[in-house]
Protein backbone atom coordinates (compact mmCIF):
# COMPACT_ATOMS: atom_id res chain seq x y z
CA UNK A 1 0.02 0.01 -0.01
CA UNK A 2 0.99 3.59 -0.59
CA UNK A 3 1.36 6.73 1.61
CA UNK A 4 -1.21 9.54 1.67
CA UNK A 5 -0.21 13.12 1.19
CA UNK A 6 -2.91 15.42 2.30
CA UNK A 7 -2.94 19.13 1.50
CA UNK A 8 -4.89 21.87 -0.15
CA UNK A 9 -4.09 25.28 -1.67
CA UNK A 10 -5.90 27.17 1.01
CA UNK A 11 -2.67 27.47 3.25
CA UNK A 12 -1.62 30.04 0.67
CA UNK A 13 -4.31 32.46 1.92
CA UNK A 14 -3.34 32.28 5.50
CA UNK A 15 -1.27 35.58 5.40
CA UNK A 16 0.51 36.25 8.57
CA UNK A 17 2.25 39.50 7.32
CA UNK A 18 5.67 40.40 6.19
CA UNK A 19 8.53 39.10 8.34
CA UNK A 20 6.51 36.37 10.18
CA UNK A 21 8.40 33.15 10.34
CA UNK A 22 5.23 31.00 9.91
CA UNK A 23 4.85 32.15 6.24
CA UNK A 24 3.18 30.83 3.15
CA UNK A 25 6.51 29.76 1.62
CA UNK A 26 6.97 26.96 4.29
CA UNK A 27 4.29 24.63 2.82
CA UNK A 28 4.92 25.83 -0.62
CA UNK A 29 8.46 24.61 -0.40
CA UNK A 30 7.39 21.20 1.00
CA UNK A 31 4.65 20.69 -1.67
CA UNK A 32 6.80 21.93 -4.53
CA UNK A 33 9.43 19.44 -3.62
CA UNK A 34 7.08 16.46 -3.45
CA UNK A 35 5.60 17.51 -6.87
CA UNK A 36 9.13 17.68 -8.34
CA UNK A 37 9.99 14.23 -6.93
CA UNK A 38 6.84 12.84 -8.36
CA UNK A 39 7.01 9.71 -6.20
CA UNK A 40 4.49 7.07 -7.48
CA UNK A 41 4.10 5.79 -3.95
CA UNK A 42 2.31 8.94 -2.85
CA UNK A 43 -1.49 9.23 -3.10
CA UNK A 44 -2.46 13.06 -3.01
CA UNK A 45 -5.67 13.72 -1.24
CA UNK A 46 -7.73 16.83 -0.25
CA UNK A 47 -8.84 17.69 3.31
CA UNK A 48 -12.27 16.49 4.37
CA UNK A 49 -15.23 18.59 5.24
CA UNK A 50 -16.09 17.74 8.79
CA UNK A 51 -18.78 18.30 11.39
CA UNK A 52 -17.81 21.10 13.87
CA UNK A 53 -18.68 18.85 16.64
CA UNK A 54 -15.36 17.21 16.18
CA UNK A 55 -13.62 20.56 16.86
CA UNK A 56 -15.80 20.85 20.10
CA UNK A 57 -14.49 17.49 21.32
CA UNK A 58 -11.03 19.16 21.48
CA UNK A 59 -11.71 22.87 21.96
CA UNK A 60 -14.71 24.55 23.87
CA UNK A 61 -17.68 25.74 21.78
CA UNK A 62 -16.93 29.24 23.26
CA UNK A 63 -13.30 29.09 22.02
CA UNK A 64 -14.40 27.78 18.43
CA UNK A 65 -17.01 30.70 18.26
CA UNK A 66 -14.38 33.22 19.37
CA UNK A 67 -12.00 31.97 16.48
CA UNK A 68 -14.86 32.06 13.93
CA UNK A 69 -15.56 35.73 14.67
CA UNK A 70 -11.89 36.76 14.80
CA UNK A 71 -11.30 36.34 11.11
CA UNK A 72 -11.23 39.89 9.70
CA UNK A 73 -12.74 41.02 6.41
CA UNK A 74 -9.46 42.71 5.67
CA UNK A 75 -6.08 43.25 7.32
CA UNK A 76 -5.08 41.14 10.29
CA UNK A 77 -6.22 40.11 13.72
CA UNK A 78 -3.80 38.99 16.42
CA UNK A 79 -5.03 36.02 18.60
CA UNK A 80 -1.90 36.39 20.70
CA UNK A 81 1.46 38.19 20.41
CA UNK A 82 2.54 36.09 17.41
CA UNK A 83 -0.57 34.24 16.33
CA UNK A 84 -2.14 36.27 13.51
CA UNK A 85 -5.09 35.63 11.15
CA UNK A 86 -6.21 37.27 7.95
CA UNK A 87 -9.34 36.89 5.82
CA UNK A 88 -8.03 33.72 4.09
CA UNK A 89 -6.92 32.09 7.50
CA UNK A 90 -10.66 30.74 7.88
CA UNK A 91 -10.35 28.27 5.03
CA UNK A 92 -6.81 27.33 5.89
CA UNK A 93 -7.51 26.71 9.56
CA UNK A 94 -10.54 24.50 8.52
CA UNK A 95 -8.41 22.65 6.03
CA UNK A 96 -5.62 21.98 8.37
CA UNK A 97 -8.02 20.17 10.80
CA UNK A 98 -9.78 18.51 7.85
CA UNK A 99 -6.48 17.20 6.69
CA UNK A 100 -5.87 15.02 9.61
CA UNK A 101 -9.48 13.91 9.50
CA UNK A 102 -9.01 12.96 5.84
CA UNK A 103 -5.72 11.17 6.60
CA UNK A 104 -7.12 9.08 9.37
CA UNK A 105 -10.24 8.27 7.20
CA UNK A 106 -7.87 7.12 4.43
CA UNK A 107 -5.84 4.89 6.76
CA UNK A 108 -9.05 3.43 8.33
CA UNK A 109 -10.59 2.81 4.94
CA UNK A 110 -7.27 1.27 3.52
CA UNK A 111 -6.90 3.84 0.79
CA UNK A 112 -3.25 4.06 1.99
CA UNK A 113 -1.16 2.48 4.91
CA UNK A 114 -0.15 5.80 6.47
CA UNK A 115 -0.14 9.52 5.82
CA UNK A 116 1.52 12.94 5.93
CA UNK A 117 -0.44 16.22 6.15
CA UNK A 118 1.42 19.14 4.73
CA UNK A 119 -0.52 22.07 6.33
CA UNK A 120 -0.56 25.49 8.06
CA UNK A 121 -1.37 26.87 10.46
CA UNK A 122 0.33 24.34 12.75
CA UNK A 123 -1.46 23.21 15.95
CA UNK A 124 0.41 21.92 18.86
CA UNK A 125 0.65 25.11 20.89
CA UNK A 126 -3.22 25.71 20.77
CA UNK A 127 -4.70 24.88 24.16
CA UNK A 128 -8.42 24.08 24.81
CA UNK A 129 -9.39 27.69 24.97
CA UNK A 130 -6.19 29.55 23.83
CA UNK A 131 -4.52 30.31 20.49
CA UNK A 132 -0.76 30.42 20.91
CA UNK A 133 2.61 30.14 19.14
CA UNK A 134 1.30 30.41 15.48
CA UNK A 135 -1.36 27.76 16.30
CA UNK A 136 -5.23 28.26 16.21
CA UNK A 137 -6.69 24.78 16.39
CA UNK A 138 -4.80 21.82 17.70
CA UNK A 139 -4.98 19.71 14.56
CA UNK A 140 -3.25 16.69 16.04
CA UNK A 141 -5.47 16.70 19.11
CA UNK A 142 -8.67 16.87 17.03
CA UNK A 143 -7.35 13.87 15.09
CA UNK A 144 -6.75 11.87 18.39
CA UNK A 145 -10.23 12.68 19.64
CA UNK A 146 -11.57 11.81 16.16
CA UNK A 147 -10.05 8.34 16.57
CA UNK A 148 -11.53 7.90 20.07
CA UNK A 149 -14.88 9.13 19.15
CA UNK A 150 -15.54 7.73 15.61
CA UNK A 151 -13.42 4.66 15.68
CA UNK A 152 -13.50 3.76 19.24
CA UNK A 153 -9.70 3.51 19.82
CA UNK A 154 -8.50 3.43 23.40
CA UNK A 155 -4.75 3.73 23.14
CA UNK A 156 -3.45 6.57 20.94
CA UNK A 157 0.10 7.77 21.10
CA UNK A 158 1.12 11.24 19.98
CA UNK A 159 4.88 11.72 19.38
CA UNK A 160 5.93 15.34 19.09
CA UNK A 161 9.46 15.89 17.81
CA UNK A 162 9.03 19.72 17.26
CA UNK A 163 11.87 21.47 19.00
CA UNK A 164 9.25 23.40 21.04
CA UNK A 165 7.11 21.80 23.63
CA UNK A 166 3.53 21.12 22.58
CA UNK A 167 1.94 22.77 25.51
CA UNK A 168 -1.41 22.75 23.89
CA UNK A 169 -1.50 18.95 23.23
CA UNK A 170 -0.36 18.37 26.77
CA UNK A 171 -2.99 20.70 28.17
CA UNK A 172 -5.80 18.96 26.16
CA UNK A 173 -4.83 15.34 27.14
CA UNK A 174 -3.46 15.88 30.64
CA UNK A 175 -6.39 13.97 32.14
CA UNK A 176 -7.02 11.54 29.36
CA UNK A 177 -5.85 7.96 29.88
CA UNK A 178 -6.54 7.10 26.24
CA UNK A 179 -3.81 9.35 24.89
CA UNK A 180 -0.09 9.07 25.64
CA UNK A 181 1.72 12.31 24.72
CA UNK A 182 5.43 12.19 24.28
CA UNK A 183 7.55 15.28 23.54
CA UNK A 184 11.27 15.72 22.81
CA UNK A 185 12.12 19.47 22.90
CA UNK A 186 14.55 22.18 23.83
CA UNK A 187 14.22 23.27 27.47
CA UNK A 188 14.12 25.69 28.99
CA UNK A 189 12.73 27.49 25.99
CA UNK A 190 9.50 28.60 24.47
CA UNK A 191 6.63 28.10 25.58
CA UNK A 192 8.13 27.38 28.96
CA UNK A 193 6.29 24.12 29.70
CA UNK A 194 7.71 20.60 29.25
CA UNK A 195 9.57 19.72 32.41
CA UNK A 196 9.93 16.11 33.18
CA UNK A 197 7.82 16.50 36.23
CA UNK A 198 4.72 17.24 34.17
CA UNK A 199 3.40 13.71 33.93
CA UNK A 200 -0.38 13.76 33.37
CA UNK A 201 -3.20 12.35 35.66
CA UNK A 202 -2.56 8.86 34.38
CA UNK A 203 1.21 9.07 33.78
CA UNK A 204 0.29 9.72 30.14
CA UNK A 205 2.45 12.78 29.56
CA UNK A 206 6.09 11.90 28.92
CA UNK A 207 8.40 14.98 28.41
CA UNK A 208 11.98 14.60 27.52
CA UNK A 209 13.54 18.10 27.85
CA UNK A 210 16.92 18.57 26.30
CA UNK A 211 19.45 21.32 26.30
CA UNK A 212 20.18 23.94 23.58
CA UNK A 213 23.06 22.60 21.46
CA UNK A 214 21.74 18.88 21.58
CA UNK A 215 23.68 16.87 18.85
CA UNK A 216 22.40 14.00 16.67
CA UNK A 217 23.93 11.43 18.94
CA UNK A 218 22.55 13.02 22.09
CA UNK A 219 19.11 13.32 20.60
CA UNK A 220 18.93 9.72 19.25
CA UNK A 221 20.18 8.35 22.66
CA UNK A 222 17.31 10.36 24.32
CA UNK A 223 14.94 9.11 21.64
CA UNK A 224 15.37 5.58 22.89
CA UNK A 225 13.38 6.57 25.97
CA UNK A 226 10.53 7.60 23.45
CA UNK A 227 10.64 3.99 22.02
CA UNK A 228 10.64 2.36 25.46
CA UNK A 229 7.60 4.24 26.54
CA UNK A 230 5.86 3.22 23.18
CA UNK A 231 6.63 -0.38 23.78
CA UNK A 232 5.22 0.04 27.49
CA UNK A 233 2.07 1.71 26.28
CA UNK A 234 1.29 -0.42 23.10
CA UNK A 235 -0.52 2.09 20.99
CA UNK A 236 -3.35 1.11 18.61
CA UNK A 237 -2.76 4.24 16.48
CA UNK A 238 0.13 6.64 16.38
CA UNK A 239 0.10 10.26 15.42
CA UNK A 240 3.31 12.36 14.79
CA UNK A 241 3.37 16.07 15.55
CA UNK A 242 6.04 16.54 13.03
CA UNK A 243 8.02 19.68 13.57
CA UNK A 244 11.38 20.03 11.79
CA UNK A 245 12.82 23.06 13.64
CA UNK A 246 15.16 20.79 15.56
CA UNK A 247 17.36 21.01 12.40
CA UNK A 248 20.75 22.62 12.86
CA UNK A 249 19.83 25.24 10.25
CA UNK A 250 16.65 26.29 11.66
CA UNK A 251 16.62 29.96 12.99
CA UNK A 252 14.13 29.53 15.88
CA UNK A 253 16.08 27.03 18.13
CA UNK A 254 19.45 25.55 18.81
CA UNK A 255 19.34 21.90 18.25
CA UNK A 256 21.78 20.34 15.81
CA UNK A 257 19.91 17.60 14.01
CA UNK A 258 20.52 16.92 10.25
CA UNK A 259 17.88 16.30 7.68
CA UNK A 260 18.71 12.41 7.62
CA UNK A 261 18.01 12.24 11.37
CA UNK A 262 14.28 12.73 10.72
CA UNK A 263 14.33 9.54 8.62
CA UNK A 264 16.17 7.58 11.39
CA UNK A 265 13.47 8.87 14.06
CA UNK A 266 10.55 7.89 11.83
CA UNK A 267 11.91 4.54 10.78
CA UNK A 268 12.82 3.61 14.34
CA UNK A 269 9.37 4.59 15.61
CA UNK A 270 7.48 2.65 12.97
CA UNK A 271 9.63 -0.48 13.63
CA UNK A 272 9.07 -0.45 17.44
CA UNK A 273 5.35 0.26 17.15
CA UNK A 274 4.51 -2.29 14.33
CA UNK A 275 3.41 -5.08 16.74
CA UNK A 276 0.80 -2.83 18.41
CA UNK A 277 -0.54 -0.51 15.65
CA UNK A 278 0.43 -2.45 12.48
CA UNK A 279 1.57 0.74 10.74
CA UNK A 280 -1.57 2.77 11.54
CA UNK A 281 0.22 6.12 11.47
CA UNK A 282 -0.69 9.63 10.57
CA UNK A 283 1.90 12.56 10.63
CA UNK A 284 0.99 16.37 10.56
CA UNK A 285 3.29 19.27 9.86
CA UNK A 286 4.14 21.53 12.89
CA UNK A 287 7.25 23.75 12.78
CA UNK A 288 10.38 24.19 10.72
CA UNK A 289 11.40 27.53 9.43
CA UNK A 290 14.36 27.04 7.27
CA UNK A 291 12.96 26.25 3.86
CA UNK A 292 15.71 24.11 2.54
CA UNK A 293 16.04 22.14 5.79
CA UNK A 294 12.25 21.91 5.80
CA UNK A 295 12.21 20.28 2.39
CA UNK A 296 14.93 17.81 2.95
CA UNK A 297 13.61 16.81 6.32
CA UNK A 298 10.00 16.27 5.37
CA UNK A 299 11.23 14.30 2.33
CA UNK A 300 13.24 12.01 4.44
CA UNK A 301 10.44 11.66 7.06
CA UNK A 302 8.04 10.67 4.27
CA UNK A 303 10.60 8.31 2.70
CA UNK A 304 10.46 6.45 5.99
CA UNK A 305 6.76 6.30 5.80
CA UNK A 306 6.67 5.05 2.19
CA UNK A 307 9.33 2.40 2.81
CA UNK A 308 7.32 0.93 5.67
CA UNK A 309 4.49 0.09 3.35
């Protein structure tokens, strides 16, 4: 079976203004690269339309309503100091969520074995009732709750290798025994959360804080702890919050990973989780702000997904 690649053009209308690091070119670089590669093992698919009730399983109805009225008819609205929306953000935000729903449906219906969602805005900083860190809705959290509600999964793992801690995902699932959230991230750093004593009500939060300057060797040694936790939890479905800003060339952090390391991370995760989730894996783009590094790293991440098929 092949790998799904879920995206739409609406991300191009999510204008964050001149000089903002979460810019249109991020996803354009990723998509243009995959089009150029023309890999026959990819199945391109559009985001799904979805019932808003799936949003409210993750965010409060009050917050969803606040977001809906925040989109301006022209210009920009700031949801927090660095999270900005423009008129076109409404469709982009909806399609970012719709992408992970489309990807999950595709895996469940055996259209493809696994999938990668190339979307913006990202999601892992968005809390239940708070936009933050370029994120409006928590795309991966909506996906996890969709798996629980629609497909009755009881053990979902979210692995977040973005260099920034996914405070939003942790916030949403802190008291949920059905979801294991694992994060490797630079610490102390933005957003300030992610210490290893933040464990969740059911020991379902596993933070692996790492110092600025973390090398490939140091990171991969630490990632062994991710794999051990996965074996202990035995997930039925696995979601990646796939941020690529741990790359050595990324301007927003100070890790020293190479593009090839994202292939290694992905491959090792797929291998260790196969006995439990049989390759039921969906990945969704989070951060990554150096365009060349983002192209290379997403390509190697998806290579590992394709090879696993």
